[in-house]
């Protein structure tokens, strides 16, 4: 879970949400109730995080940048992880691919 003062959706993520049939509600569920499974502290312009949550049984990954000065979260991308690439818990990629 990330504590965000607000959410900003990039143009990229809005297009991805439409194409991948992911709703604003689902994105908000991941941000507010999901688990950070990977941190990217050196990402620019802001540190970012890969988050996971099962929403209505569907696994979703969201990549979020967080402005450390304002605590605003910028939604970068979202997708349903591919079970052929990710381990069954969707927290780690399959090393043997």
N, C-alpha and C. Protein backbone atom coordinates (compact mmCIF):
# COMPACT_ATOMS: atom_id res chain seq x y z
N UNK A 1 0.85 -1.18 0.00
CA UNK A 1 0.00 0.00 0.00
C UNK A 1 0.89 1.23 0.00
N UNK A 2 0.53 2.20 -0.83
CA UNK A 2 1.23 3.49 -0.84
C UNK A 2 0.29 4.56 -0.32
N UNK A 3 0.80 5.43 0.51
CA UNK A 3 0.01 6.57 0.96
C UNK A 3 0.24 7.70 -0.02
N UNK A 4 -0.77 8.00 -0.81
CA UNK A 4 -0.67 9.02 -1.85
C UNK A 4 -1.57 10.21 -1.50
N UNK A 5 -1.04 11.40 -1.73
CA UNK A 5 -1.86 12.59 -1.52
C UNK A 5 -2.84 12.78 -2.67
N UNK A 6 -2.56 12.17 -3.79
CA UNK A 6 -3.43 12.23 -4.96
C UNK A 6 -2.90 11.29 -6.01
N UNK A 7 -3.72 11.00 -7.02
CA UNK A 7 -3.32 10.12 -8.11
C UNK A 7 -3.34 10.89 -9.42
N UNK A 8 -2.28 10.71 -10.20
CA UNK A 8 -2.18 11.32 -11.52
C UNK A 8 -2.00 10.19 -12.53
N UNK A 9 -2.86 10.13 -13.53
CA UNK A 9 -2.81 9.08 -14.54
C UNK A 9 -2.11 9.62 -15.78
N UNK A 10 -1.01 8.97 -16.19
CA UNK A 10 -0.30 9.37 -17.40
C UNK A 10 -1.16 9.02 -18.62
N UNK A 11 -0.87 9.68 -19.75
CA UNK A 11 -1.58 9.34 -21.00
C UNK A 11 -1.37 7.87 -21.34
N UNK A 12 -0.14 7.40 -21.12
CA UNK A 12 0.18 6.00 -21.42
C UNK A 12 -0.72 5.04 -20.63
N UNK A 13 -0.87 5.29 -19.34
CA UNK A 13 -1.66 4.36 -18.53
C UNK A 13 -3.14 4.43 -18.90
N UNK A 14 -3.64 5.58 -19.27
CA UNK A 14 -5.05 5.68 -19.66
C UNK A 14 -5.31 4.83 -20.91
N UNK A 15 -4.40 4.89 -21.87
CA UNK A 15 -4.54 4.06 -23.07
C UNK A 15 -4.43 2.58 -22.71
N UNK A 16 -3.47 2.25 -21.85
CA UNK A 16 -3.29 0.85 -21.43
C UNK A 16 -4.53 0.34 -20.71
N UNK A 17 -5.13 1.17 -19.87
CA UNK A 17 -6.33 0.76 -19.13
C UNK A 17 -7.47 0.42 -20.08
N UNK A 18 -7.64 1.24 -21.11
CA UNK A 18 -8.71 0.99 -22.08
C UNK A 18 -8.43 -0.31 -22.84
N UNK A 19 -7.20 -0.44 -23.34
CA UNK A 19 -6.83 -1.61 -24.13
C UNK A 19 -6.90 -2.89 -23.31
N UNK A 20 -6.51 -2.83 -22.04
CA UNK A 20 -6.42 -4.01 -21.18
C UNK A 20 -7.66 -4.22 -20.31
N UNK A 21 -8.67 -3.38 -20.51
CA UNK A 21 -9.93 -3.48 -19.76
C UNK A 21 -9.70 -3.43 -18.26
N UNK A 22 -8.92 -2.46 -17.83
CA UNK A 22 -8.64 -2.24 -16.40
C UNK A 22 -9.30 -0.91 -16.01
N UNK A 23 -10.11 -0.96 -14.99
CA UNK A 23 -10.88 0.23 -14.59
C UNK A 23 -10.11 1.11 -13.60
N UNK A 24 -10.57 2.33 -13.46
CA UNK A 24 -10.01 3.25 -12.46
C UNK A 24 -10.17 2.63 -11.07
N UNK A 25 -11.32 2.03 -10.82
CA UNK A 25 -11.55 1.36 -9.53
C UNK A 25 -10.47 0.32 -9.25
N UNK A 26 -10.15 -0.51 -10.25
CA UNK A 26 -9.14 -1.55 -10.06
C UNK A 26 -7.77 -0.95 -9.77
N UNK A 27 -7.41 0.09 -10.50
CA UNK A 27 -6.12 0.76 -10.26
C UNK A 27 -6.08 1.32 -8.84
N UNK A 28 -7.15 1.97 -8.43
CA UNK A 28 -7.21 2.54 -7.07
C UNK A 28 -7.12 1.43 -6.02
N UNK A 29 -7.75 0.30 -6.25
CA UNK A 29 -7.67 -0.83 -5.31
C UNK A 29 -6.23 -1.29 -5.13
N UNK A 30 -5.50 -1.40 -6.24
CA UNK A 30 -4.10 -1.83 -6.16
C UNK A 30 -3.27 -0.79 -5.39
N UNK A 31 -3.45 0.48 -5.71
CA UNK A 31 -2.68 1.54 -5.06
C UNK A 31 -2.98 1.61 -3.57
N UNK A 32 -4.26 1.56 -3.21
CA UNK A 32 -4.65 1.77 -1.81
C UNK A 32 -4.56 0.51 -0.94
N UNK A 33 -4.63 -0.67 -1.57
CA UNK A 33 -4.68 -1.91 -0.77
C UNK A 33 -3.70 -2.98 -1.23
N UNK A 34 -2.92 -2.69 -2.27
CA UNK A 34 -2.00 -3.68 -2.81
C UNK A 34 -0.67 -3.73 -2.08
N UNK A 35 0.18 -4.60 -2.57
CA UNK A 35 1.49 -4.84 -1.97
C UNK A 35 2.58 -4.36 -2.93
N UNK A 36 3.55 -3.63 -2.40
CA UNK A 36 4.73 -3.26 -3.19
C UNK A 36 5.60 -4.52 -3.29
N UNK A 37 5.81 -5.00 -4.52
CA UNK A 37 6.62 -6.20 -4.70
C UNK A 37 8.02 -5.89 -5.22
N UNK A 38 8.23 -4.68 -5.70
CA UNK A 38 9.56 -4.28 -6.14
C UNK A 38 9.65 -2.77 -6.08
N UNK A 39 10.80 -2.28 -5.62
CA UNK A 39 11.05 -0.84 -5.55
C UNK A 39 12.16 -0.48 -6.53
N UNK A 40 12.02 0.69 -7.13
CA UNK A 40 13.02 1.22 -8.04
C UNK A 40 13.41 2.61 -7.53
N UNK A 41 14.24 2.67 -6.48
CA UNK A 41 14.52 3.95 -5.82
C UNK A 41 15.30 4.95 -6.67
N UNK A 42 15.98 4.49 -7.71
CA UNK A 42 16.77 5.41 -8.53
C UNK A 42 16.06 5.84 -9.81
N UNK A 43 14.80 5.41 -10.00
CA UNK A 43 14.05 5.85 -11.18
C UNK A 43 13.90 7.36 -11.17
N UNK A 44 13.83 7.93 -12.34
CA UNK A 44 13.68 9.37 -12.52
C UNK A 44 12.43 9.66 -13.33
N UNK A 45 11.70 10.70 -13.08
CA UNK A 45 12.04 11.76 -12.14
C UNK A 45 11.73 11.44 -10.68
N UNK A 46 11.00 10.31 -10.45
CA UNK A 46 10.65 9.94 -9.08
C UNK A 46 10.92 8.46 -8.85
N UNK A 47 11.17 8.08 -7.60
CA UNK A 47 11.25 6.65 -7.29
C UNK A 47 9.93 5.98 -7.69
N UNK A 48 10.01 4.71 -8.13
CA UNK A 48 8.78 4.04 -8.52
C UNK A 48 8.70 2.66 -7.89
N UNK A 49 7.51 2.08 -8.02
CA UNK A 49 7.19 0.82 -7.34
C UNK A 49 6.33 -0.05 -8.24
N UNK A 50 6.58 -1.35 -8.19
CA UNK A 50 5.70 -2.32 -8.84
C UNK A 50 4.80 -2.87 -7.75
N UNK A 51 3.50 -2.77 -7.97
CA UNK A 51 2.53 -3.20 -6.97
C UNK A 51 1.66 -4.33 -7.52
N UNK A 52 1.17 -5.17 -6.61
CA UNK A 52 0.32 -6.29 -6.95
C UNK A 52 -0.88 -6.35 -6.03
N UNK A 53 -2.02 -6.65 -6.63
CA UNK A 53 -3.21 -6.98 -5.84
C UNK A 53 -4.13 -7.81 -6.73
N UNK A 54 -4.79 -8.77 -6.12
CA UNK A 54 -5.83 -9.53 -6.80
C UNK A 54 -7.13 -8.76 -6.58
N UNK A 55 -7.71 -8.28 -7.66
CA UNK A 55 -8.97 -7.54 -7.60
C UNK A 55 -10.05 -8.41 -8.23
N UNK A 56 -11.01 -8.81 -7.43
CA UNK A 56 -12.06 -9.73 -7.88
C UNK A 56 -11.45 -10.98 -8.51
N UNK A 57 -10.37 -11.49 -7.90
CA UNK A 57 -9.72 -12.70 -8.37
C UNK A 57 -8.74 -12.51 -9.51
N UNK A 58 -8.64 -11.31 -10.03
CA UNK A 58 -7.76 -11.01 -11.16
C UNK A 58 -6.47 -10.38 -10.65
N UNK A 59 -5.30 -10.96 -10.97
CA UNK A 59 -4.05 -10.34 -10.53
C UNK A 59 -3.76 -9.10 -11.39
N UNK A 60 -3.37 -8.03 -10.73
CA UNK A 60 -3.02 -6.80 -11.46
C UNK A 60 -1.70 -6.27 -10.95
N UNK A 61 -0.87 -5.84 -11.88
CA UNK A 61 0.36 -5.12 -11.58
C UNK A 61 0.17 -3.66 -11.98
N UNK A 62 0.62 -2.77 -11.11
CA UNK A 62 0.61 -1.34 -11.38
C UNK A 62 2.01 -0.82 -11.09
N UNK A 63 2.55 -0.02 -12.01
CA UNK A 63 3.81 0.67 -11.76
C UNK A 63 3.47 2.12 -11.44
N UNK A 64 3.98 2.58 -10.28
CA UNK A 64 3.64 3.89 -9.76
C UNK A 64 4.90 4.66 -9.39
N UNK A 65 4.97 5.90 -9.83
CA UNK A 65 6.02 6.80 -9.36
C UNK A 65 5.45 7.64 -8.24
N UNK A 66 6.29 7.99 -7.26
CA UNK A 66 5.79 8.79 -6.14
C UNK A 66 6.70 9.99 -5.92
N UNK A 67 6.11 11.17 -6.00
CA UNK A 67 6.84 12.41 -5.74
C UNK A 67 7.11 12.49 -4.24
N UNK A 68 8.39 12.43 -3.82
CA UNK A 68 8.68 12.42 -2.39
C UNK A 68 8.35 13.74 -1.69
N UNK A 69 8.27 14.83 -2.45
CA UNK A 69 7.97 16.13 -1.84
C UNK A 69 6.48 16.34 -1.60
N UNK A 70 5.64 15.85 -2.52
CA UNK A 70 4.20 16.09 -2.41
C UNK A 70 3.40 14.84 -2.05
N UNK A 71 4.03 13.68 -2.13
CA UNK A 71 3.38 12.37 -1.94
C UNK A 71 2.34 12.05 -3.02
N UNK A 72 2.34 12.82 -4.11
CA UNK A 72 1.45 12.51 -5.23
C UNK A 72 1.98 11.28 -5.95
N UNK A 73 1.07 10.39 -6.34
CA UNK A 73 1.45 9.16 -7.04
C UNK A 73 1.06 9.29 -8.51
N UNK A 74 2.02 8.97 -9.37
CA UNK A 74 1.82 9.02 -10.81
C UNK A 74 1.73 7.59 -11.31
N UNK A 75 0.58 7.22 -11.85
CA UNK A 75 0.37 5.87 -12.35
C UNK A 75 1.04 5.79 -13.72
N UNK A 76 2.03 4.92 -13.84
CA UNK A 76 2.83 4.83 -15.07
C UNK A 76 2.27 3.79 -16.03
N UNK A 77 2.00 2.59 -15.53
CA UNK A 77 1.40 1.56 -16.37
C UNK A 77 0.68 0.55 -15.50
N UNK A 78 -0.14 -0.27 -16.15
CA UNK A 78 -0.88 -1.32 -15.45
C UNK A 78 -1.10 -2.46 -16.42
N UNK A 79 -1.12 -3.66 -15.87
CA UNK A 79 -1.34 -4.84 -16.72
C UNK A 79 -1.68 -6.04 -15.85
N UNK A 80 -2.26 -7.04 -16.50
CA UNK A 80 -2.48 -8.33 -15.86
C UNK A 80 -1.25 -9.18 -16.16
N UNK A 81 -0.50 -9.60 -15.13
CA UNK A 81 0.73 -10.34 -15.39
C UNK A 81 0.47 -11.68 -16.08
N UNK A 82 1.35 -12.02 -17.00
CA UNK A 82 1.26 -13.25 -17.77
C UNK A 82 1.70 -14.43 -16.91
N UNK A 83 0.84 -15.42 -16.69
CA UNK A 83 1.20 -16.57 -15.84
C UNK A 83 2.33 -17.42 -16.43
N UNK A 84 2.63 -17.24 -17.70
CA UNK A 84 3.74 -17.98 -18.30
C UNK A 84 5.08 -17.30 -18.00
N UNK A 85 5.05 -16.04 -17.62
CA UNK A 85 6.27 -15.28 -17.31
C UNK A 85 6.49 -15.18 -15.80
N UNK A 86 5.41 -15.09 -15.05
CA UNK A 86 5.48 -14.88 -13.60
C UNK A 86 5.23 -16.19 -12.85
N UNK A 87 5.82 -16.32 -11.68
CA UNK A 87 5.54 -17.45 -10.80
C UNK A 87 4.08 -17.37 -10.34
N UNK A 88 3.52 -18.45 -9.82
CA UNK A 88 2.08 -18.47 -9.47
C UNK A 88 1.62 -17.37 -8.52
N UNK A 89 2.50 -16.85 -7.67
CA UNK A 89 2.07 -15.77 -6.77
C UNK A 89 2.14 -14.39 -7.45
N UNK A 90 2.67 -14.33 -8.68
CA UNK A 90 2.80 -13.12 -9.49
C UNK A 90 3.71 -12.06 -8.86
N UNK A 91 4.57 -12.49 -7.92
CA UNK A 91 5.48 -11.56 -7.26
C UNK A 91 6.89 -11.59 -7.86
N UNK A 92 7.22 -12.69 -8.54
CA UNK A 92 8.54 -12.84 -9.14
C UNK A 92 8.40 -13.46 -10.51
N UNK A 93 9.32 -13.07 -11.42
CA UNK A 93 9.34 -13.67 -12.74
C UNK A 93 9.98 -15.04 -12.66
N UNK A 94 9.56 -15.90 -13.56
CA UNK A 94 10.12 -17.23 -13.68
C UNK A 94 11.54 -17.12 -14.21
N UNK A 95 12.53 -17.54 -13.44
CA UNK A 95 13.92 -17.43 -13.81
C UNK A 95 14.30 -18.35 -14.98
N UNK A 96 13.51 -19.35 -15.24
CA UNK A 96 13.89 -20.37 -16.21
C UNK A 96 13.37 -20.08 -17.61
N UNK A 97 12.86 -18.90 -17.84
CA UNK A 97 12.38 -18.55 -19.19
C UNK A 97 13.47 -17.90 -19.99
